[in-house]
Amino acid sequence: MLARRSFSAPTLARLRQMPASDALALLADHVKLDPTYLPVKDRHSCRWHASTALGDFEILTTGVKWYDTRACAGGGGAIDLAMHVLGLSFVDAVKRLTAR
């Protein structure tokens, strides 16, 4: 029987604490900040237009949290974002983020 391999706790913690805007920059083929966006709830929120192989996204980011305005879906952390914009599994998302 093969030994089960897992990612280290510090690696997962680092990815979960990575700002969503930084993760988006690593994951997208093209990403652009929308300078016309005026945040409603949190002045630290930003709107980004991003493109990946899965299509175009309009993502709001505030710290580690993100929200896709077109898909009405969101999450927290770089791993969730990678799974969403690239259609990856958890394992593949972690591998993709740690390879960069």
PDB file of N, CA and C in Angstrom:
ATOM      1  N   MET A   1       0.842  -1.171   0.000  1.00  0.00           N
ATOM      2  CA  MET A   1       0.000   0.000   0.000  1.00  0.00           C
ATOM      3  C   MET A   1       0.895   1.244   0.000  1.00  0.00           C
ATOM      4  N   LEU A   2       0.546   2.206  -0.832  1.00  0.00           N
ATOM      5  CA  LEU A   2       1.334   3.425  -0.929  1.00  0.00           C
ATOM      6  C   LEU A   2       1.077   4.338   0.256  1.00  0.00           C
ATOM      7  N   ALA A   3       2.131   4.996   0.682  1.00  0.00           N
ATOM      8  CA  ALA A   3       1.983   5.962   1.771  1.00  0.00           C
ATOM      9  C   ALA A   3       1.255   7.196   1.244  1.00  0.00           C
ATOM     10  N   ARG A   4       0.390   7.723   2.041  1.00  0.00           N
ATOM     11  CA  ARG A   4      -0.367   8.908   1.654  1.00  0.00           C
ATOM     12  C   ARG A   4       0.524  10.133   1.820  1.00  0.00           C
ATOM     13  N   ARG A   5       0.622  10.913   0.753  1.00  0.00           N
ATOM     14  CA  ARG A   5       1.434  12.127   0.800  1.00  0.00           C
ATOM     15  C   ARG A   5       0.506  13.322   0.906  1.00  0.00           C
ATOM     16  N   SER A   6       0.930  14.284   1.676  1.00  0.00           N
ATOM     17  CA  SER A   6       0.097  15.474   1.839  1.00  0.00           C
ATOM     18  C   SER A   6       0.987  16.712   1.818  1.00  0.00           C
ATOM     19  N   PHE A   7       0.345  17.849   1.714  1.00  0.00           N
ATOM     20  CA  PHE A   7       1.060  19.122   1.724  1.00  0.00           C
ATOM     21  C   PHE A   7       1.324  19.522   3.173  1.00  0.00           C
ATOM     22  N   SER A   8       2.420  20.205   3.391  1.00  0.00           N
ATOM     23  CA  SER A   8       2.760  20.615   4.752  1.00  0.00           C
ATOM     24  C   SER A   8       1.791  21.683   5.247  1.00  0.00           C
ATOM     25  N   ALA A   9       1.593  21.699   6.551  1.00  0.00           N
ATOM     26  CA  ALA A   9       0.706  22.691   7.168  1.00  0.00           C
ATOM     27  C   ALA A   9       1.180  24.118   6.891  1.00  0.00           C
ATOM     28  N   PRO A  10       2.501  24.405   6.958  1.00  0.00           N
ATOM     29  CA  PRO A  10       2.940  25.773   6.647  1.00  0.00           C
ATOM     30  C   PRO A  10       2.648  26.182   5.194  1.00  0.00           C
ATOM     31  N   THR A  11       2.769  25.239   4.267  1.00  0.00           N
ATOM     32  CA  THR A  11       2.465  25.542   2.861  1.00  0.00           C
ATOM     33  C   THR A  11       1.004  25.902   2.702  1.00  0.00           C
ATOM     34  N   LEU A  12       0.119  25.105   3.274  1.00  0.00           N
ATOM     35  CA  LEU A  12      -1.318  25.376   3.174  1.00  0.00           C
ATOM     36  C   LEU A  12      -1.678  26.681   3.873  1.00  0.00           C
ATOM     37  N   ALA A  13      -1.070  26.945   5.022  1.00  0.00           N
ATOM     38  CA  ALA A  13      -1.342  28.193   5.745  1.00  0.00           C
ATOM     39  C   ALA A  13      -0.898  29.396   4.924  1.00  0.00           C
ATOM     40  N   ARG A  14       0.263  29.292   4.288  1.00  0.00           N
ATOM     41  CA  ARG A  14       0.768  30.396   3.456  1.00  0.00           C
ATOM     42  C   ARG A  14      -0.176  30.671   2.290  1.00  0.00           C
ATOM     43  N   LEU A  15      -0.670  29.624   1.648  1.00  0.00           N
ATOM     44  CA  LEU A  15      -1.585  29.804   0.519  1.00  0.00           C
ATOM     45  C   LEU A  15      -2.934  30.344   0.972  1.00  0.00           C
ATOM     46  N   ARG A  16      -3.380  29.930   2.140  1.00  0.00           N
ATOM     47  CA  ARG A  16      -4.667  30.423   2.654  1.00  0.00           C
ATOM     48  C   ARG A  16      -4.579  31.885   3.089  1.00  0.00           C
ATOM     49  N   GLN A  17      -3.379  32.348   3.413  1.00  0.00           N
ATOM     50  CA  GLN A  17      -3.186  33.737   3.843  1.00  0.00           C
ATOM     51  C   GLN A  17      -2.757  34.659   2.701  1.00  0.00           C
ATOM     52  N   MET A  18      -2.504  34.097   1.525  1.00  0.00           N
ATOM     53  CA  MET A  18      -2.076  34.904   0.383  1.00  0.00           C
ATOM     54  C   MET A  18      -3.214  35.821  -0.061  1.00  0.00           C
ATOM     55  N   PRO A  19      -2.952  37.114  -0.230  1.00  0.00           N
ATOM     56  CA  PRO A  19      -3.997  38.014  -0.721  1.00  0.00           C
ATOM     57  C   PRO A  19      -4.541  37.532  -2.071  1.00  0.00           C
ATOM     58  N   ALA A  20      -5.837  37.616  -2.233  1.00  0.00           N
ATOM     59  CA  ALA A  20      -6.474  37.137  -3.460  1.00  0.00           C
ATOM     60  C   ALA A  20      -5.945  37.865  -4.691  1.00  0.00           C
ATOM     61  N   SER A  21      -5.614  39.131  -4.556  1.00  0.00           N
ATOM     62  CA  SER A  21      -5.086  39.881  -5.703  1.00  0.00           C
ATOM     63  C   SER A  21      -3.731  39.322  -6.146  1.00  0.00           C
ATOM     64  N   ASP A  22      -2.895  38.911  -5.197  1.00  0.00           N
ATOM     65  CA  ASP A  22      -1.604  38.301  -5.530  1.00  0.00           C
ATOM     66  C   ASP A  22      -1.805  36.952  -6.212  1.00  0.00           C
ATOM     67  N   ALA A  23      -2.740  36.170  -5.691  1.00  0.00           N
ATOM     68  CA  ALA A  23      -3.027  34.864  -6.280  1.00  0.00           C
ATOM     69  C   ALA A  23      -3.560  35.019  -7.698  1.00  0.00           C
ATOM     70  N   LEU A  24      -4.443  35.977  -7.897  1.00  0.00           N
ATOM     71  CA  LEU A  24      -5.014  36.204  -9.226  1.00  0.00           C
ATOM     72  C   LEU A  24      -3.918  36.560 -10.224  1.00  0.00           C
ATOM     73  N   ALA A  25      -2.961  37.367  -9.803  1.00  0.00           N
ATOM     74  CA  ALA A  25      -1.846  37.735 -10.675  1.00  0.00           C
ATOM     75  C   ALA A  25      -1.012  36.513 -11.065  1.00  0.00           C
ATOM     76  N   LEU A  26      -0.889  35.541 -10.161  1.00  0.00           N
ATOM     77  CA  LEU A  26      -0.147  34.313 -10.458  1.00  0.00           C
ATOM     78  C   LEU A  26      -0.908  33.376 -11.385  1.00  0.00           C
ATOM     79  N   LEU A  27      -2.225  33.389 -11.290  1.00  0.00           N
ATOM     80  CA  LEU A  27      -3.046  32.394 -11.968  1.00  0.00           C
ATOM     81  C   LEU A  27      -3.551  32.804 -13.345  1.00  0.00           C
ATOM     82  N   ALA A  28      -3.823  34.072 -13.530  1.00  0.00           N
ATOM     83  CA  ALA A  28      -4.467  34.530 -14.762  1.00  0.00           C
ATOM     84  C   ALA A  28      -3.449  34.752 -15.878  1.00  0.00           C
ATOM     85  N   ASP A  29      -3.906  34.529 -17.115  1.00  0.00           N
ATOM     86  CA  ASP A  29      -3.078  34.838 -18.278  1.00  0.00           C
ATOM     87  C   ASP A  29      -2.968  36.352 -18.445  1.00  0.00           C
ATOM     88  N   HIS A  30      -4.048  37.036 -18.114  1.00  0.00           N
ATOM     89  CA  HIS A  30      -4.088  38.501 -18.183  1.00  0.00           C
ATOM     90  C   HIS A  30      -4.928  38.992 -17.013  1.00  0.00           C
ATOM     91  N   VAL A  31      -4.453  40.019 -16.325  1.00  0.00           N
ATOM     92  CA  VAL A  31      -5.204  40.591 -15.205  1.00  0.00           C
ATOM     93  C   VAL A  31      -5.012  42.102 -15.205  1.00  0.00           C
ATOM     94  N   LYS A  32      -6.118  42.816 -14.978  1.00  0.00           N
ATOM     95  CA  LYS A  32      -6.064  44.280 -14.996  1.00  0.00           C
ATOM     96  C   LYS A  32      -6.949  44.831 -13.889  1.00  0.00           C
ATOM     97  N   LEU A  33      -6.400  45.752 -13.120  1.00  0.00           N
ATOM     98  CA  LEU A  33      -7.149  46.437 -12.072  1.00  0.00           C
ATOM     99  C   LEU A  33      -8.114  47.423 -12.717  1.00  0.00           C
ATOM    100  N   ASP A  34      -9.347  47.478 -12.214  1.00  0.00           N
ATOM    101  CA  ASP A  34     -10.348  48.420 -12.719  1.00  0.00           C
ATOM    102  C   ASP A  34     -10.253  49.711 -11.909  1.00  0.00           C
ATOM    103  N   PRO A  35      -9.695  50.787 -12.488  1.00  0.00           N
ATOM    104  CA  PRO A  35      -9.516  52.033 -11.734  1.00  0.00           C
ATOM    105  C   PRO A  35     -10.823  52.787 -11.486  1.00  0.00           C
ATOM    106  N   THR A  36     -11.910  52.400 -12.164  1.00  0.00           N
ATOM    107  CA  THR A  36     -13.187  53.102 -12.001  1.00  0.00           C
ATOM    108  C   THR A  36     -14.021  52.546 -10.859  1.00  0.00           C
ATOM    109  N   TYR A  37     -13.607  51.421 -10.287  1.00  0.00           N
ATOM    110  CA  TYR A  37     -14.388  50.763  -9.233  1.00  0.00           C
ATOM    111  C   TYR A  37     -14.346  51.566  -7.936  1.00  0.00           C
ATOM    112  N   LEU A  38     -15.518  51.803  -7.377  1.00  0.00           N
ATOM    113  CA  LEU A  38     -15.638  52.469  -6.081  1.00  0.00           C
ATOM    114  C   LEU A  38     -16.216  51.477  -5.077  1.00  0.00           C
ATOM    115  N   PRO A  39     -15.419  51.028  -4.104  1.00  0.00           N
ATOM    116  CA  PRO A  39     -15.888  50.041  -3.128  1.00  0.00           C
ATOM    117  C   PRO A  39     -17.077  50.555  -2.321  1.00  0.00           C
ATOM    118  N   VAL A  40     -17.991  49.646  -2.002  1.00  0.00           N
ATOM    119  CA  VAL A  40     -19.180  50.004  -1.235  1.00  0.00           C
ATOM    120  C   VAL A  40     -18.991  49.674   0.243  1.00  0.00           C
ATOM    121  N   LYS A  41     -18.557  48.446   0.543  1.00  0.00           N
ATOM    122  CA  LYS A  41     -18.463  48.001   1.936  1.00  0.00           C
ATOM    123  C   LYS A  41     -17.089  48.214   2.559  1.00  0.00           C
ATOM    124  N   ASP A  42     -16.040  47.916   1.830  1.00  0.00           N
ATOM    125  CA  ASP A  42     -14.682  47.960   2.377  1.00  0.00           C
ATOM    126  C   ASP A  42     -13.793  48.750   1.424  1.00  0.00           C
ATOM    127  N   ARG A  43     -13.172  49.784   1.921  1.00  0.00           N
ATOM    128  CA  ARG A  43     -12.373  50.646   1.047  1.00  0.00           C
ATOM    129  C   ARG A  43     -11.138  49.937   0.488  1.00  0.00           C
ATOM    130  N   HIS A  44     -10.809  48.770   1.015  1.00  0.00           N
ATOM    131  CA  HIS A  44      -9.667  48.007   0.525  1.00  0.00           C
ATOM    132  C   HIS A  44     -10.038  47.066  -0.624  1.00  0.00           C
ATOM    133  N   SER A  45     -11.316  47.000  -0.963  1.00  0.00           N
ATOM    134  CA  SER A  45     -11.760  46.130  -2.055  1.00  0.00           C
ATOM    135  C   SER A  45     -11.309  46.681  -3.401  1.00  0.00           C
ATOM    136  N   CYS A  46     -10.999  45.765  -4.309  1.00  0.00           N
ATOM    137  CA  CYS A  46     -10.603  46.122  -5.675  1.00  0.00           C
ATOM    138  C   CYS A  46     -11.351  45.229  -6.653  1.00  0.00           C
ATOM    139  N   ARG A  47     -11.585  45.755  -7.851  1.00  0.00           N
ATOM    140  CA  ARG A  47     -12.202  44.943  -8.908  1.00  0.00           C
ATOM    141  C   ARG A  47     -11.143  44.690  -9.975  1.00  0.00           C
ATOM    142  N   TRP A  48     -11.046  43.426 -10.369  1.00  0.00           N
ATOM    143  CA  TRP A  48     -10.068  42.984 -11.355  1.00  0.00           C
ATOM    144  C   TRP A  48     -10.777  42.329 -12.527  1.00  0.00           C
ATOM    145  N   HIS A  49     -10.257  42.541 -13.710  1.00  0.00           N
ATOM    146  CA  HIS A  49     -10.706  41.831 -14.904  1.00  0.00           C
ATOM    147  C   HIS A  49      -9.585  40.858 -15.246  1.00  0.00           C
ATOM    148  N   ALA A  50      -9.925  39.584 -15.334  1.00  0.00           N
ATOM    149  CA  ALA A  50      -8.911  38.557 -15.547  1.00  0.00           C
ATOM    150  C   ALA A  50      -9.356  37.577 -16.622  1.00  0.00           C
ATOM    151  N   SER A  51      -8.373  37.003 -17.301  1.00  0.00           N
ATOM    152  CA  SER A  51      -8.632  35.985 -18.319  1.00  0.00           C
ATOM    153  C   SER A  51      -7.787  34.756 -18.026  1.00  0.00           C
ATOM    154  N   THR A  52      -8.419  33.588 -18.151  1.00  0.00           N
ATOM    155  CA  THR A  52      -7.713  32.312 -18.056  1.00  0.00           C
ATOM    156  C   THR A  52      -8.207  31.447 -19.208  1.00  0.00           C
ATOM    157  N   ALA A  53      -7.732  30.224 -19.271  1.00  0.00           N
ATOM    158  CA  ALA A  53      -8.181  29.299 -20.309  1.00  0.00           C
ATOM    159  C   ALA A  53      -9.682  29.012 -20.201  1.00  0.00           C
ATOM    160  N   LEU A  54     -10.261  29.205 -19.014  1.00  0.00           N
ATOM    161  CA  LEU A  54     -11.695  28.963 -18.822  1.00  0.00           C
ATOM    162  C   LEU A  54     -12.559  30.139 -19.237  1.00  0.00           C
ATOM    163  N   GLY A  55     -11.960  31.310 -19.469  1.00  0.00           N
ATOM    164  CA  GLY A  55     -12.744  32.466 -19.887  1.00  0.00           C
ATOM    165  C   GLY A  55     -12.347  33.737 -19.167  1.00  0.00           C
ATOM    166  N   ASP A  56     -13.271  34.697 -19.217  1.00  0.00           N
ATOM    167  CA  ASP A  56     -13.042  36.003 -18.600  1.00  0.00           C
ATOM    168  C   ASP A  56     -13.783  36.089 -17.275  1.00  0.00           C
ATOM    169  N   PHE A  57     -13.166  36.761 -16.319  1.00  0.00           N
ATOM    170  CA  PHE A  57     -13.722  36.878 -14.980  1.00  0.00           C
ATOM    171  C   PHE A  57     -13.679  38.325 -14.518  1.00  0.00           C
ATOM    172  N   GLU A  58     -14.655  38.697 -13.703  1.00  0.00           N
ATOM    173  CA  GLU A  58     -14.654  39.981 -13.009  1.00  0.00           C
ATOM    174  C   GLU A  58     -14.640  39.635 -11.524  1.00  0.00           C
ATOM    175  N   ILE A  59     -13.493  39.835 -10.906  1.00  0.00           N
ATOM    176  CA  ILE A  59     -13.264  39.380  -9.533  1.00  0.00           C
ATOM    177  C   ILE A  59     -13.093  40.574  -8.597  1.00  0.00           C
ATOM    178  N   LEU A  60     -13.842  40.568  -7.499  1.00  0.00           N
ATOM    179  CA  LEU A  60     -13.642  41.547  -6.431  1.00  0.00           C
ATOM    180  C   LEU A  60     -12.748  40.899  -5.387  1.00  0.00           C
ATOM    181  N   THR A  61     -11.762  41.637  -4.902  1.00  0.00           N
ATOM    182  CA  THR A  61     -10.872  41.102  -3.870  1.00  0.00           C
ATOM    183  C   THR A  61     -10.814  42.041  -2.675  1.00  0.00           C
ATOM    184  N   THR A  62     -10.773  41.441  -1.501  1.00  0.00           N
ATOM    185  CA  THR A  62     -10.561  42.166  -0.249  1.00  0.00           C
ATOM    186  C   THR A  62      -9.716  41.250   0.630  1.00  0.00           C
ATOM    187  N   GLY A  63      -8.435  41.535   0.714  1.00  0.00           N
ATOM    188  CA  GLY A  63      -7.543  40.655   1.472  1.00  0.00           C
ATOM    189  C   GLY A  63      -7.505  39.270   0.849  1.00  0.00           C
ATOM    190  N   VAL A  64      -7.802  38.246   1.640  1.00  0.00           N
ATOM    191  CA  VAL A  64      -7.794  36.876   1.119  1.00  0.00           C
ATOM    192  C   VAL A  64      -9.125  36.497   0.476  1.00  0.00           C
ATOM    193  N   LYS A  65     -10.146  37.300   0.683  1.00  0.00           N
ATOM    194  CA  LYS A  65     -11.478  36.987   0.149  1.00  0.00           C
ATOM    195  C   LYS A  65     -11.600  37.449  -1.300  1.00  0.00           C
ATOM    196  N   TRP A  66     -12.402  36.714  -2.066  1.00  0.00           N
ATOM    197  CA  TRP A  66     -12.661  37.081  -3.454  1.00  0.00           C
ATOM    198  C   TRP A  66     -14.107  36.745  -3.806  1.00  0.00           C
ATOM    199  N   TYR A  67     -14.619  37.420  -4.836  1.00  0.00           N
ATOM    200  CA  TYR A  67     -15.987  37.183  -5.298  1.00  0.00           C
ATOM    201  C   TYR A  67     -16.030  37.390  -6.805  1.00  0.00           C
ATOM    202  N   ASP A  68     -16.531  36.400  -7.528  1.00  0.00           N
ATOM    203  CA  ASP A  68     -16.705  36.485  -8.976  1.00  0.00           C
ATOM    204  C   ASP A  68     -18.101  37.043  -9.230  1.00  0.00           C
ATOM    205  N   THR A  69     -18.177  38.281  -9.713  1.00  0.00           N
ATOM    206  CA  THR A  69     -19.473  38.945  -9.884  1.00  0.00           C
ATOM    207  C   THR A  69     -20.315  38.308 -10.977  1.00  0.00           C
ATOM    208  N   ARG A  70     -19.699  37.682 -11.954  1.00  0.00           N
ATOM    209  CA  ARG A  70     -20.451  37.070 -13.063  1.00  0.00           C
ATOM    210  C   ARG A  70     -20.999  35.699 -12.691  1.00  0.00           C
ATOM    211  N   ALA A  71     -20.254  34.951 -11.908  1.00  0.00           N
ATOM    212  CA  ALA A  71     -20.692  33.612 -11.506  1.00  0.00           C
ATOM    213  C   ALA A  71     -21.429  33.627 -10.177  1.00  0.00           C
ATOM    214  N   CYS A  72     -21.452  34.781  -9.505  1.00  0.00           N
ATOM    215  CA  CYS A  72     -22.062  34.896  -8.169  1.00  0.00           C
ATOM    216  C   CYS A  72     -21.494  33.834  -7.229  1.00  0.00           C
ATOM    217  N   ALA A  73     -20.170  33.720  -7.248  1.00  0.00           N
ATOM    218  CA  ALA A  73     -19.486  32.738  -6.407  1.00  0.00           C
ATOM    219  C   ALA A  73     -18.252  33.391  -5.808  1.00  0.00           C
ATOM    220  N   GLY A  74     -17.902  32.965  -4.617  1.00  0.00           N
ATOM    221  CA  GLY A  74     -16.726  33.528  -3.973  1.00  0.00           C
ATOM    222  C   GLY A  74     -16.118  32.556  -2.998  1.00  0.00           C
ATOM    223  N   GLY A  75     -15.051  32.997  -2.371  1.00  0.00           N
ATOM    224  CA  GLY A  75     -14.377  32.151  -1.410  1.00  0.00           C
ATOM    225  C   GLY A  75     -13.280  32.918  -0.713  1.00  0.00           C
ATOM    226  N   GLY A  76     -12.452  32.173  -0.019  1.00  0.00           N
ATOM    227  CA  GLY A  76     -11.354  32.778   0.714  1.00  0.00           C
ATOM    228  C   GLY A  76     -10.088  31.991   0.508  1.00  0.00           C
ATOM    229  N   GLY A  77      -9.061  32.649   0.064  1.00  0.00           N
ATOM    230  CA  GLY A  77      -7.771  32.000  -0.104  1.00  0.00           C
ATOM    231  C   GLY A  77      -7.434  31.698  -1.548  1.00  0.00           C
ATOM    232  N   ALA A  78      -6.139  31.585  -1.775  1.00  0.00           N
ATOM    233  CA  ALA A  78      -5.620  31.360  -3.118  1.00  0.00           C
ATOM    234  C   ALA A  78      -6.033  30.005  -3.684  1.00  0.00           C
ATOM    235  N   ILE A  79      -6.170  29.013  -2.828  1.00  0.00           N
ATOM    236  CA  ILE A  79      -6.523  27.672  -3.305  1.00  0.00           C
ATOM    237  C   ILE A  79      -7.926  27.678  -3.901  1.00  0.00           C
ATOM    238  N   ASP A  80      -8.881  28.260  -3.189  1.00  0.00           N
ATOM    239  CA  ASP A  80     -10.250  28.364  -3.712  1.00  0.00           C
ATOM    240  C   ASP A  80     -10.278  29.131  -5.025  1.00  0.00           C
ATOM    241  N   LEU A  81      -9.517  30.202  -5.104  1.00  0.00           N
ATOM    242  CA  LEU A  81      -9.492  31.019  -6.314  1.00  0.00           C
ATOM    243  C   LEU A  81      -8.922  30.232  -7.491  1.00  0.00           C
ATOM    244  N   ALA A  82      -7.849  29.499  -7.266  1.00  0.00           N
ATOM    245  CA  ALA A  82      -7.255  28.674  -8.325  1.00  0.00           C
ATOM    246  C   ALA A  82      -8.238  27.608  -8.800  1.00  0.00           C
ATOM    247  N   MET A  83      -8.946  26.998  -7.865  1.00  0.00           N
ATOM    248  CA  MET A  83      -9.938  25.990  -8.233  1.00  0.00           C
ATOM    249  C   MET A  83     -11.033  26.612  -9.091  1.00  0.00           C
ATOM    250  N   HIS A  84     -11.423  27.840  -8.776  1.00  0.00           N
ATOM    251  CA  HIS A  84     -12.509  28.509  -9.493  1.00  0.00           C
ATOM    252  C   HIS A  84     -12.090  28.976 -10.887  1.00  0.00           C
ATOM    253  N   VAL A  85     -11.003  29.730 -10.986  1.00  0.00           N
ATOM    254  CA  VAL A  85     -10.651  30.335 -12.277  1.00  0.00           C
ATOM    255  C   VAL A  85      -9.937  29.382 -13.231  1.00  0.00           C
ATOM    256  N   LEU A  86      -9.404  28.276 -12.706  1.00  0.00           N
ATOM    257  CA  LEU A  86      -8.713  27.319 -13.565  1.00  0.00           C
ATOM    258  C   LEU A  86      -9.396  25.960 -13.627  1.00  0.00           C
ATOM    259  N   GLY A  87     -10.429  25.762 -12.817  1.00  0.00           N
ATOM    260  CA  GLY A  87     -11.142  24.486 -12.821  1.00  0.00           C
ATOM    261  C   GLY A  87     -10.305  23.336 -12.298  1.00  0.00           C
ATOM    262  N   LEU A  88      -9.462  23.609 -11.322  1.00  0.00           N
ATOM    263  CA  LEU A  88      -8.549  22.599 -10.791  1.00  0.00           C
ATOM    264  C   LEU A  88      -9.114  21.913  -9.555  1.00  0.00           C
ATOM    265  N   SER A  89      -8.596  20.728  -9.278  1.00  0.00           N
ATOM    266  CA  SER A  89      -8.888  20.061  -8.014  1.00  0.00           C
ATOM    267  C   SER A  89      -8.062  20.738  -6.928  1.00  0.00           C
ATOM    268  N   PHE A  90      -8.354  20.405  -5.677  1.00  0.00           N
ATOM    269  CA  PHE A  90      -7.593  20.968  -4.555  1.00  0.00           C
ATOM    270  C   PHE A  90      -6.104  20.670  -4.712  1.00  0.00           C
ATOM    271  N   VAL A  91      -5.779  19.420  -4.976  1.00  0.00           N
ATOM    272  CA  VAL A  91      -4.376  19.005  -5.087  1.00  0.00           C
ATOM    273  C   VAL A  91      -3.685  19.745  -6.228  1.00  0.00           C
ATOM    274  N   ASP A  92      -4.342  19.811  -7.392  1.00  0.00           N
ATOM    275  CA  ASP A  92      -3.740  20.495  -8.536  1.00  0.00           C
ATOM    276  C   ASP A  92      -3.611  21.998  -8.297  1.00  0.00           C
ATOM    277  N   ALA A  93      -4.565  22.579  -7.579  1.00  0.00           N
ATOM    278  CA  ALA A  93      -4.491  24.010  -7.263  1.00  0.00           C
ATOM    279  C   ALA A  93      -3.287  24.301  -6.369  1.00  0.00           C
ATOM    280  N   VAL A  94      -3.072  23.476  -5.358  1.00  0.00           N
ATOM    281  CA  VAL A  94      -1.921  23.669  -4.462  1.00  0.00           C
ATOM    282  C   VAL A  94      -0.623  23.490  -5.245  1.00  0.00           C
ATOM    283  N   LYS A  95      -0.569  22.478  -6.091  1.00  0.00           N
ATOM    284  CA  LYS A  95       0.640  22.258  -6.895  1.00  0.00           C
ATOM    285  C   LYS A  95       0.912  23.447  -7.807  1.00  0.00           C
ATOM    286  N   ARG A  96      -0.125  23.971  -8.425  1.00  0.00           N
ATOM    287  CA  ARG A  96       0.031  25.117  -9.343  1.00  0.00           C
ATOM    288  C   ARG A  96       0.542  26.351  -8.589  1.00  0.00           C
ATOM    289  N   LEU A  97      -0.020  26.608  -7.434  1.00  0.00           N
ATOM    290  CA  LEU A  97       0.375  27.788  -6.656  1.00  0.00           C
ATOM    291  C   LEU A  97       1.779  27.662  -6.066  1.00  0.00           C
ATOM    292  N   THR A  98       2.175  26.463  -5.692  1.00  0.00           N
ATOM    293  CA  THR A  98       3.506  26.284  -5.101  1.00  0.00           C
ATOM    294  C   THR A  98       4.593  26.179  -6.166  1.00  0.00           C
ATOM    295  N   ALA A  99       4.213  25.924  -7.400  1.00  0.00           N
ATOM    296  CA  ALA A  99       5.188  25.829  -8.490  1.00  0.00           C
ATOM    297  C   ALA A  99       5.664  27.202  -8.941  1.00  0.00           C
ATOM    298  N   ARG A 100       4.929  28.235  -8.572  1.00  0.00           N
ATOM    299  CA  ARG A 100       5.261  29.600  -9.037  1.00  0.00           C
ATOM    300  C   ARG A 100       6.184  30.294  -8.075  1.00  0.00           C
TER     301      ARG A 100
END
